[in-house]
Amino acid sequence: MIDVAVFTGFFALSFVLSTLLIRLGVPRLQSDHARTQPLPESRSRRVFDLRSTGFWIGFFETLLVFILVVQAEFSALAIIIGAKEFVRKDQIVENPSYYLLGTLVNLSVAVLSVLAARALAATL
């Protein structure tokens, strides 16, 4: 039961941290051209906008990454990157480093959170 609480807590931490980094940090790195055209799901000034599709996409992306890493299904992480490339191909062509950085931030935070959760669960 403690393991479930630890992993749930680290998932929540992972989602909040990656959302903050992506919504507040990554947009500052965009080129001037890309900054003039915000994404439809990013037009809200609120970081955690429950009505935003971007919020829910990010939530489920983080959840999938977290579950796949917990289950050691690392090759399945390619599905997330492939789906994002398929849906965002036009925006990725305009500013590939921005989208790559956002994806890598989310993957990195989720993977590090799983590793930390595993280490903590092992000590309890």
Protein backbone atom coordinates (compact mmCIF):
# COMPACT_ATOMS: atom_id res chain seq x y z
CA MET A 1 0.00 0.00 0.00
CA ILE A 2 2.90 2.35 0.76
CA ASP A 3 4.34 1.69 -2.71
CA VAL A 4 1.10 2.88 -4.34
CA ALA A 5 1.16 6.07 -2.26
CA VAL A 6 4.82 6.69 -3.11
CA PHE A 7 4.30 6.17 -6.85
CA THR A 8 1.11 8.26 -6.85
CA GLY A 9 2.87 11.09 -5.06
CA PHE A 10 5.82 10.99 -7.41
CA PHE A 11 3.49 10.90 -10.42
CA ALA A 12 1.72 14.02 -9.16
CA LEU A 13 5.06 15.71 -8.51
CA SER A 14 6.27 14.71 -11.96
CA PHE A 15 3.19 16.10 -13.68
CA VAL A 16 3.27 19.39 -11.78
CA LEU A 17 7.00 19.89 -12.29
CA SER A 18 6.98 19.05 -16.01
CA THR A 19 3.89 21.23 -16.57
CA LEU A 20 5.55 24.17 -14.84
CA LEU A 21 8.77 23.71 -16.80
CA ILE A 22 6.99 23.31 -20.13
CA ARG A 23 4.41 26.09 -19.66
CA LEU A 24 6.68 28.63 -17.97
CA GLY A 25 10.23 27.79 -19.05
CA VAL A 26 10.17 26.30 -22.53
CA PRO A 27 8.09 29.07 -24.22
CA ARG A 28 10.78 31.58 -23.27
CA LEU A 29 13.15 29.63 -25.52
CA GLN A 30 11.00 29.91 -28.66
CA SER A 31 12.09 31.93 -31.64
CA ASP A 32 10.44 35.33 -32.12
CA HIS A 33 8.36 33.99 -35.03
CA ALA A 34 6.95 31.08 -33.04
CA ARG A 35 6.21 33.31 -30.05
CA THR A 36 3.76 35.41 -32.05
CA GLN A 37 1.49 32.40 -32.70
CA PRO A 38 0.65 30.61 -29.43
CA LEU A 39 -0.68 27.09 -29.62
CA PRO A 40 -4.46 26.82 -29.26
CA GLU A 41 -4.12 24.83 -26.04
CA SER A 42 -1.60 27.34 -24.64
CA ARG A 43 -3.64 30.52 -25.01
CA SER A 44 -4.88 30.39 -21.43
CA ARG A 45 -2.78 32.39 -19.03
CA ARG A 46 -3.37 29.79 -16.33
CA VAL A 47 -0.71 27.10 -16.07
CA PHE A 48 -3.14 24.44 -14.86
CA ASP A 49 -6.25 25.08 -16.96
CA LEU A 50 -8.57 22.06 -16.57
CA ARG A 51 -10.53 23.13 -19.66
CA SER A 52 -7.44 23.12 -21.85
CA THR A 53 -6.77 20.16 -24.13
CA GLY A 54 -3.07 20.79 -23.58
CA PHE A 55 -3.51 20.18 -19.86
CA TRP A 56 -5.14 16.80 -20.45
CA ILE A 57 -2.72 15.79 -23.20
CA GLY A 58 0.16 16.57 -20.84
CA PHE A 59 -1.51 14.72 -17.98
CA PHE A 60 -2.02 11.54 -19.97
CA GLU A 61 1.38 11.80 -21.64
CA THR A 62 3.00 11.96 -18.20
CA LEU A 63 0.78 9.14 -16.93
CA LEU A 64 1.70 6.90 -19.87
CA VAL A 65 5.40 7.64 -19.49
CA PHE A 66 5.19 6.95 -15.78
CA ILE A 67 3.36 3.64 -16.23
CA LEU A 68 5.64 2.48 -19.05
CA VAL A 69 8.79 3.27 -17.09
CA VAL A 70 7.44 1.60 -13.91
CA GLN A 71 6.75 -1.49 -16.03
CA ALA A 72 10.20 -1.20 -17.71
CA GLU A 73 8.60 -0.93 -21.16
CA PHE A 74 11.08 1.63 -22.43
CA SER A 75 10.63 0.78 -26.10
CA ALA A 76 6.94 1.67 -25.83
CA LEU A 77 7.93 5.27 -25.07
CA ALA A 78 8.46 5.64 -28.82
CA ILE A 79 4.67 5.53 -29.20
CA ILE A 80 4.36 8.83 -27.35
CA ILE A 81 7.02 10.51 -29.46
CA GLY A 82 5.51 9.08 -32.64
CA ALA A 83 2.00 10.21 -31.75
CA LYS A 84 3.21 13.71 -30.97
CA GLU A 85 5.11 13.86 -34.26
CA PHE A 86 2.05 12.68 -36.18
CA VAL A 87 -0.30 15.22 -34.61
CA ARG A 88 2.10 18.17 -34.54
CA LYS A 89 4.05 17.64 -37.74
CA ASP A 90 3.29 21.13 -39.13
CA GLN A 91 4.31 22.90 -35.92
CA ILE A 92 7.37 20.68 -35.52
CA VAL A 93 8.59 21.67 -38.99
CA GLU A 94 8.34 25.36 -38.00
CA ASN A 95 10.12 25.01 -34.65
CA PRO A 96 11.51 21.49 -34.11
CA SER A 97 13.76 22.26 -31.16
CA TYR A 98 10.86 23.73 -29.15
CA TYR A 99 8.77 20.57 -29.46
CA LEU A 100 11.73 18.28 -28.92
CA LEU A 101 12.65 20.16 -25.76
CA GLY A 102 9.09 19.98 -24.41
CA THR A 103 8.92 16.24 -25.04
CA LEU A 104 12.34 15.64 -23.52
CA VAL A 105 11.48 17.71 -20.44
CA ASN A 106 8.35 15.63 -19.85
CA LEU A 107 10.14 12.32 -20.46
CA SER A 108 13.11 13.28 -18.30
CA VAL A 109 11.06 14.48 -15.35
CA ALA A 110 8.82 11.40 -15.49
CA VAL A 111 11.73 8.95 -15.75
CA LEU A 112 13.66 10.65 -12.92
CA SER A 113 10.49 10.64 -10.80
CA VAL A 114 9.99 6.92 -11.34
CA LEU A 115 13.61 6.23 -10.41
CA ALA A 116 13.24 8.33 -7.24
CA ALA A 117 9.94 6.62 -6.38
CA ARG A 118 11.55 3.19 -6.82
CA ALA A 119 14.47 4.17 -4.59
CA LEU A 120 12.17 5.53 -1.89
CA ALA A 121 9.80 2.54 -2.08
CA ALA A 122 12.77 0.19 -1.72
CA THR A 123 13.86 1.85 1.51
CA LEU A 124 10.40 1.73 3.13
